Amino acid sequence: MRFIASFFVSALFCFLSVTVSAVPRTNLTPEVARRIVATARRYQLPPLLVLEVMRQESAFLTHATSYKNSRPCAYGLMQLVRATAGRFGVWNPYDPQQAIEGGCRYLAWLVNRYGRDRLDLVLAAYNVGEGAVDRHGRRVPPYQETQNYVRRILAEYKRALILEAMLRQRRAPVG
């Protein structure tokens, strides 16, 4: 089990060094990577999916804050709005463990609501809220920002899965 966890952490860093070639460094630390893996597994989420959501949401900046109409509206690594943070037990969204925990709880809740086979709806709901997804007939809402968000994360997640499979093949014993 320890080998698998360290494998995922190394895969995360290898993946980042390959996919972020335009940006030579990342704000993702080994400690945050370990927390992503452990917390995602606890909620039966793919760690690489959580990684991609976090990359998109905050670029791994612990104190990231998003603004709407010049007012802060989403906070921390997983960019939770106050209401969602409260729903999922996050009292300090700038605390990495609370942010990862709350973001994973929310993602797991969304997976339960829309299904593992509908990551597009899970991601759309994470971005714009489950109410908007439901109001649009359980489809990705026709908002350009949300459609781009879903498309980017799914594309990067698929790339990460391909890279992970390649790394597994390289590490597999020849026999």
C-alpha atoms as a PDB file:
ATOM      1  CA  MET A   1       0.000   0.000   0.000  1.00  0.00           C
ATOM      2  CA  ARG A   2       2.837   2.377   0.856  1.00  0.00           C
ATOM      3  CA  PHE A   3       4.445   1.629  -2.544  1.00  0.00           C
ATOM      4  CA  ILE A   4       1.206   2.519  -4.343  1.00  0.00           C
ATOM      5  CA  ALA A   5       0.880   5.823  -2.454  1.00  0.00           C
ATOM      6  CA  SER A   6       4.486   6.787  -3.187  1.00  0.00           C
ATOM      7  CA  PHE A   7       3.964   5.708  -6.802  1.00  0.00           C
ATOM      8  CA  PHE A   8       1.024   8.118  -7.130  1.00  0.00           C
ATOM      9  CA  VAL A   9       3.003  10.968  -5.590  1.00  0.00           C
ATOM     10  CA  SER A  10       5.910  10.315  -7.994  1.00  0.00           C
ATOM     11  CA  ALA A  11       3.453  10.020 -10.881  1.00  0.00           C
ATOM     12  CA  LEU A  12       1.906  13.363  -9.942  1.00  0.00           C
ATOM     13  CA  PHE A  13       5.300  15.061 -10.030  1.00  0.00           C
ATOM     14  CA  CYS A  14       6.360  13.306 -13.213  1.00  0.00           C
ATOM     15  CA  PHE A  15       3.058  14.276 -14.806  1.00  0.00           C
ATOM     16  CA  LEU A  16       3.488  17.884 -13.749  1.00  0.00           C
ATOM     17  CA  SER A  17       7.002  18.115 -15.122  1.00  0.00           C
ATOM     18  CA  VAL A  18       5.778  16.805 -18.491  1.00  0.00           C
ATOM     19  CA  THR A  19       2.533  18.777 -18.774  1.00  0.00           C
ATOM     20  CA  VAL A  20       3.661  22.078 -17.327  1.00  0.00           C
ATOM     21  CA  SER A  21       6.632  22.504 -19.617  1.00  0.00           C
ATOM     22  CA  ALA A  22       5.612  26.103 -20.359  1.00  0.00           C
ATOM     23  CA  VAL A  23       5.738  26.825 -16.621  1.00  0.00           C
ATOM     24  CA  PRO A  24       8.958  25.348 -15.236  1.00  0.00           C
ATOM     25  CA  ARG A  25       7.837  25.199 -11.614  1.00  0.00           C
ATOM     26  CA  THR A  26       4.700  24.269  -9.786  1.00  0.00           C
ATOM     27  CA  ASN A  27       3.209  25.298  -6.484  1.00  0.00           C
ATOM     28  CA  LEU A  28       2.298  21.677  -5.743  1.00  0.00           C
ATOM     29  CA  THR A  29       4.369  20.411  -2.838  1.00  0.00           C
ATOM     30  CA  PRO A  30       5.050  16.752  -2.008  1.00  0.00           C
ATOM     31  CA  GLU A  31       3.010  17.185   1.192  1.00  0.00           C
ATOM     32  CA  VAL A  32      -0.042  18.479  -0.697  1.00  0.00           C
ATOM     33  CA  ALA A  33       0.372  15.672  -3.269  1.00  0.00           C
ATOM     34  CA  ARG A  34       0.371  13.079  -0.464  1.00  0.00           C
ATOM     35  CA  ARG A  35      -2.732  14.668   1.036  1.00  0.00           C
ATOM     36  CA  ILE A  36      -4.505  14.621  -2.327  1.00  0.00           C
ATOM     37  CA  VAL A  37      -3.779  10.922  -2.784  1.00  0.00           C
ATOM     38  CA  ALA A  38      -4.813   9.929   0.752  1.00  0.00           C
ATOM     39  CA  THR A  39      -7.962  12.056   0.857  1.00  0.00           C
ATOM     40  CA  ALA A  40      -9.096  11.202  -2.682  1.00  0.00           C
ATOM     41  CA  ARG A  41      -8.748   7.497  -1.948  1.00  0.00           C
ATOM     42  CA  ARG A  42     -10.716   7.837   1.284  1.00  0.00           C
ATOM     43  CA  TYR A  43     -13.600   9.293  -0.751  1.00  0.00           C
ATOM     44  CA  GLN A  44     -13.099   6.784  -3.586  1.00  0.00           C
ATOM     45  CA  LEU A  45     -12.104   9.498  -6.032  1.00  0.00           C
ATOM     46  CA  PRO A  46      -9.308   9.264  -8.595  1.00  0.00           C
ATOM     47  CA  PRO A  47      -6.369  11.267  -7.162  1.00  0.00           C
ATOM     48  CA  LEU A  48      -5.479  12.529 -10.638  1.00  0.00           C
ATOM     49  CA  LEU A  49      -8.975  13.987 -11.055  1.00  0.00           C
ATOM     50  CA  VAL A  50      -8.687  15.839  -7.746  1.00  0.00           C
ATOM     51  CA  LEU A  51      -5.251  17.051  -8.846  1.00  0.00           C
ATOM     52  CA  GLU A  52      -6.667  18.451 -12.084  1.00  0.00           C
ATOM     53  CA  VAL A  53      -9.548  20.185 -10.318  1.00  0.00           C
ATOM     54  CA  MET A  54      -7.111  21.756  -7.871  1.00  0.00           C
ATOM     55  CA  ARG A  55      -4.741  22.788 -10.654  1.00  0.00           C
ATOM     56  CA  GLN A  56      -7.597  24.465 -12.516  1.00  0.00           C
ATOM     57  CA  GLU A  57      -9.106  26.053  -9.424  1.00  0.00           C
ATOM     58  CA  SER A  58      -6.041  27.460  -7.666  1.00  0.00           C
ATOM     59  CA  ALA A  59      -2.858  26.476  -9.515  1.00  0.00           C
ATOM     60  CA  PHE A  60      -1.977  24.827  -6.164  1.00  0.00           C
ATOM     61  CA  LEU A  61      -1.822  28.190  -4.395  1.00  0.00           C
ATOM     62  CA  THR A  62      -2.895  27.637  -0.793  1.00  0.00           C
ATOM     63  CA  HIS A  63      -4.120  31.202  -0.319  1.00  0.00           C
ATOM     64  CA  ALA A  64      -5.780  31.608  -3.717  1.00  0.00           C
ATOM     65  CA  THR A  65      -8.850  33.854  -3.678  1.00  0.00           C
ATOM     66  CA  SER A  66     -11.266  34.420  -6.551  1.00  0.00           C
ATOM     67  CA  TYR A  67     -13.274  37.590  -6.926  1.00  0.00           C
ATOM     68  CA  LYS A  68     -16.663  38.379  -8.407  1.00  0.00           C
ATOM     69  CA  ASN A  69     -17.780  42.000  -8.706  1.00  0.00           C
ATOM     70  CA  SER A  70     -14.631  43.046  -6.787  1.00  0.00           C
ATOM     71  CA  ARG A  71     -15.590  40.883  -3.805  1.00  0.00           C
ATOM     72  CA  PRO A  72     -13.911  37.664  -2.680  1.00  0.00           C
ATOM     73  CA  CYS A  73     -16.105  34.664  -3.449  1.00  0.00           C
ATOM     74  CA  ALA A  74     -14.036  31.446  -3.497  1.00  0.00           C
ATOM     75  CA  TYR A  75     -11.089  30.467  -1.353  1.00  0.00           C
ATOM     76  CA  GLY A  76      -8.146  28.111  -1.009  1.00  0.00           C
ATOM     77  CA  LEU A  77      -6.734  25.192  -2.963  1.00  0.00           C
ATOM     78  CA  MET A  78     -10.155  23.907  -4.015  1.00  0.00           C
ATOM     79  CA  GLN A  79     -11.769  27.369  -4.391  1.00  0.00           C
ATOM     80  CA  LEU A  80     -14.824  26.642  -2.288  1.00  0.00           C
ATOM     81  CA  VAL A  81     -17.462  29.339  -1.878  1.00  0.00           C
ATOM     82  CA  ARG A  82     -18.512  30.011   1.717  1.00  0.00           C
ATOM     83  CA  ALA A  83     -21.809  28.128   1.509  1.00  0.00           C
ATOM     84  CA  THR A  84     -20.221  25.011  -0.001  1.00  0.00           C
ATOM     85  CA  ALA A  85     -17.301  25.155   2.423  1.00  0.00           C
ATOM     86  CA  GLY A  86     -19.757  25.242   5.319  1.00  0.00           C
ATOM     87  CA  ARG A  87     -21.845  22.392   3.890  1.00  0.00           C
ATOM     88  CA  PHE A  88     -18.776  20.182   3.756  1.00  0.00           C
ATOM     89  CA  GLY A  89     -17.180  21.134   7.061  1.00  0.00           C
ATOM     90  CA  VAL A  90     -14.492  23.566   5.934  1.00  0.00           C
ATOM     91  CA  TRP A  91     -14.045  26.435   8.371  1.00  0.00           C
ATOM     92  CA  ASN A  92     -10.660  27.583   7.101  1.00  0.00           C
ATOM     93  CA  PRO A  93     -10.459  27.118   3.313  1.00  0.00           C
ATOM     94  CA  TYR A  94      -6.845  28.327   3.352  1.00  0.00           C
ATOM     95  CA  ASP A  95      -5.820  25.308   5.442  1.00  0.00           C
ATOM     96  CA  PRO A  96      -4.584  22.758   2.863  1.00  0.00           C
ATOM     97  CA  GLN A  97      -6.025  19.696   4.614  1.00  0.00           C
ATOM     98  CA  GLN A  98      -9.422  21.306   5.186  1.00  0.00           C
ATOM     99  CA  ALA A  99      -9.528  22.513   1.576  1.00  0.00           C
ATOM    100  CA  ILE A 100      -8.620  19.097   0.158  1.00  0.00           C
ATOM    101  CA  GLU A 101     -11.013  17.350   2.535  1.00  0.00           C
ATOM    102  CA  GLY A 102     -13.905  19.687   1.713  1.00  0.00           C
ATOM    103  CA  GLY A 103     -13.215  19.626  -2.023  1.00  0.00           C
ATOM    104  CA  CYS A 104     -13.077  15.818  -2.027  1.00  0.00           C
ATOM    105  CA  ARG A 105     -16.270  15.571   0.039  1.00  0.00           C
ATOM    106  CA  TYR A 106     -18.019  17.845  -2.428  1.00  0.00           C
ATOM    107  CA  LEU A 107     -16.682  15.962  -5.459  1.00  0.00           C
ATOM    108  CA  ALA A 108     -17.723  12.621  -3.908  1.00  0.00           C
ATOM    109  CA  TRP A 109     -21.180  14.045  -3.185  1.00  0.00           C
ATOM    110  CA  LEU A 110     -21.446  15.195  -6.809  1.00  0.00           C
ATOM    111  CA  VAL A 111     -20.270  11.794  -8.096  1.00  0.00           C
ATOM    112  CA  ASN A 112     -22.979  10.177  -5.986  1.00  0.00           C
ATOM    113  CA  ARG A 113     -25.557  12.614  -7.395  1.00  0.00           C
ATOM    114  CA  TYR A 114     -24.613  12.407 -11.111  1.00  0.00           C
ATOM    115  CA  GLY A 115     -22.715   9.106 -11.384  1.00  0.00           C
ATOM    116  CA  ARG A 116     -19.125   8.078 -12.049  1.00  0.00           C
ATOM    117  CA  ASP A 117     -19.867   7.915 -15.756  1.00  0.00           C
ATOM    118  CA  ARG A 118     -20.885  11.602 -15.860  1.00  0.00           C
ATOM    119  CA  LEU A 119     -17.717  13.420 -14.851  1.00  0.00           C
ATOM    120  CA  ASP A 120     -18.768  16.234 -17.179  1.00  0.00           C
ATOM    121  CA  LEU A 121     -21.777  16.943 -14.940  1.00  0.00           C
ATOM    122  CA  VAL A 122     -19.726  16.475 -11.758  1.00  0.00           C
ATOM    123  CA  LEU A 123     -17.200  19.049 -12.960  1.00  0.00           C
ATOM    124  CA  ALA A 124     -19.856  21.444 -14.243  1.00  0.00           C
ATOM    125  CA  ALA A 125     -21.611  21.295 -10.876  1.00  0.00           C
ATOM    126  CA  TYR A 126     -18.311  21.845  -9.053  1.00  0.00           C
ATOM    127  CA  ASN A 127     -17.759  24.942 -11.182  1.00  0.00           C
ATOM    128  CA  VAL A 128     -21.205  26.515 -11.256  1.00  0.00           C
ATOM    129  CA  GLY A 129     -23.246  24.592  -8.682  1.00  0.00           C
ATOM    130  CA  GLU A 130     -25.517  21.597  -8.892  1.00  0.00           C
ATOM    131  CA  GLY A 131     -28.568  23.859  -9.093  1.00  0.00           C
ATOM    132  CA  ALA A 132     -27.457  25.230 -12.458  1.00  0.00           C
ATOM    133  CA  VAL A 133     -26.766  21.732 -13.812  1.00  0.00           C
ATOM    134  CA  ASP A 134     -30.202  20.556 -12.668  1.00  0.00           C
ATOM    135  CA  ARG A 135     -31.953  23.666 -14.070  1.00  0.00           C
ATOM    136  CA  HIS A 136     -30.406  22.869 -17.468  1.00  0.00           C
ATOM    137  CA  GLY A 137     -31.857  19.368 -17.589  1.00  0.00           C
ATOM    138  CA  ARG A 138     -28.838  17.655 -16.024  1.00  0.00           C
ATOM    139  CA  ARG A 139     -26.616  18.926 -18.814  1.00  0.00           C
ATOM    140  CA  VAL A 140     -23.499  21.055 -18.747  1.00  0.00           C
ATOM    141  CA  PRO A 141     -24.936  24.589 -18.608  1.00  0.00           C
ATOM    142  CA  PRO A 142     -24.451  26.725 -21.724  1.00  0.00           C
ATOM    143  CA  TYR A 143     -21.996  29.049 -19.981  1.00  0.00           C
ATOM    144  CA  GLN A 144     -18.739  29.435 -21.900  1.00  0.00           C
ATOM    145  CA  GLU A 145     -16.639  29.513 -18.713  1.00  0.00           C
ATOM    146  CA  THR A 146     -18.199  26.275 -17.414  1.00  0.00           C
ATOM    147  CA  GLN A 147     -17.937  24.497 -20.763  1.00  0.00           C
ATOM    148  CA  ASN A 148     -14.255  25.474 -21.046  1.00  0.00           C
ATOM    149  CA  TYR A 149     -13.653  24.417 -17.423  1.00  0.00           C
ATOM    150  CA  VAL A 150     -15.140  20.959 -18.013  1.00  0.00           C
ATOM    151  CA  ARG A 151     -13.339  20.519 -21.331  1.00  0.00           C
ATOM    152  CA  ARG A 152      -9.929  21.540 -19.893  1.00  0.00           C
ATOM    153  CA  ILE A 153     -10.141  19.338 -16.816  1.00  0.00           C
ATOM    154  CA  LEU A 154     -11.362  16.286 -18.732  1.00  0.00           C
ATOM    155  CA  ALA A 155      -8.609  16.711 -21.339  1.00  0.00           C
ATOM    156  CA  GLU A 156      -5.882  17.069 -18.696  1.00  0.00           C
ATOM    157  CA  TYR A 157      -7.321  14.181 -16.686  1.00  0.00           C
ATOM    158  CA  LYS A 158      -7.237  11.927 -19.760  1.00  0.00           C
ATOM    159  CA  ARG A 159      -3.623  12.973 -20.425  1.00  0.00           C
ATOM    160  CA  ALA A 160      -2.769  12.186 -16.809  1.00  0.00           C
ATOM    161  CA  LEU A 161      -4.353   8.729 -17.078  1.00  0.00           C
ATOM    162  CA  ILE A 162      -2.378   7.991 -20.240  1.00  0.00           C
ATOM    163  CA  LEU A 163       0.857   9.112 -18.595  1.00  0.00           C
ATOM    164  CA  GLU A 164       0.049   7.062 -15.492  1.00  0.00           C
ATOM    165  CA  ALA A 165      -0.505   3.966 -17.656  1.00  0.00           C
ATOM    166  CA  MET A 166       2.812   4.598 -19.419  1.00  0.00           C
ATOM    167  CA  LEU A 167       4.602   4.949 -16.074  1.00  0.00           C
ATOM    168  CA  ARG A 168       3.038   1.720 -14.816  1.00  0.00           C
ATOM    169  CA  GLN A 169       4.256  -0.112 -17.913  1.00  0.00           C
ATOM    170  CA  ARG A 170       7.781   1.228 -17.398  1.00  0.00           C
ATOM    171  CA  ARG A 171       7.779   0.092 -13.766  1.00  0.00           C
ATOM    172  CA  ALA A 172       6.183  -3.286 -14.423  1.00  0.00           C
ATOM    173  CA  PRO A 173       8.632  -6.155 -13.988  1.00  0.00           C
ATOM    174  CA  VAL A 174       9.640  -7.816 -17.219  1.00  0.00           C
ATOM    175  CA  GLY A 175       9.035 -11.455 -16.994  1.00  0.00           C
END
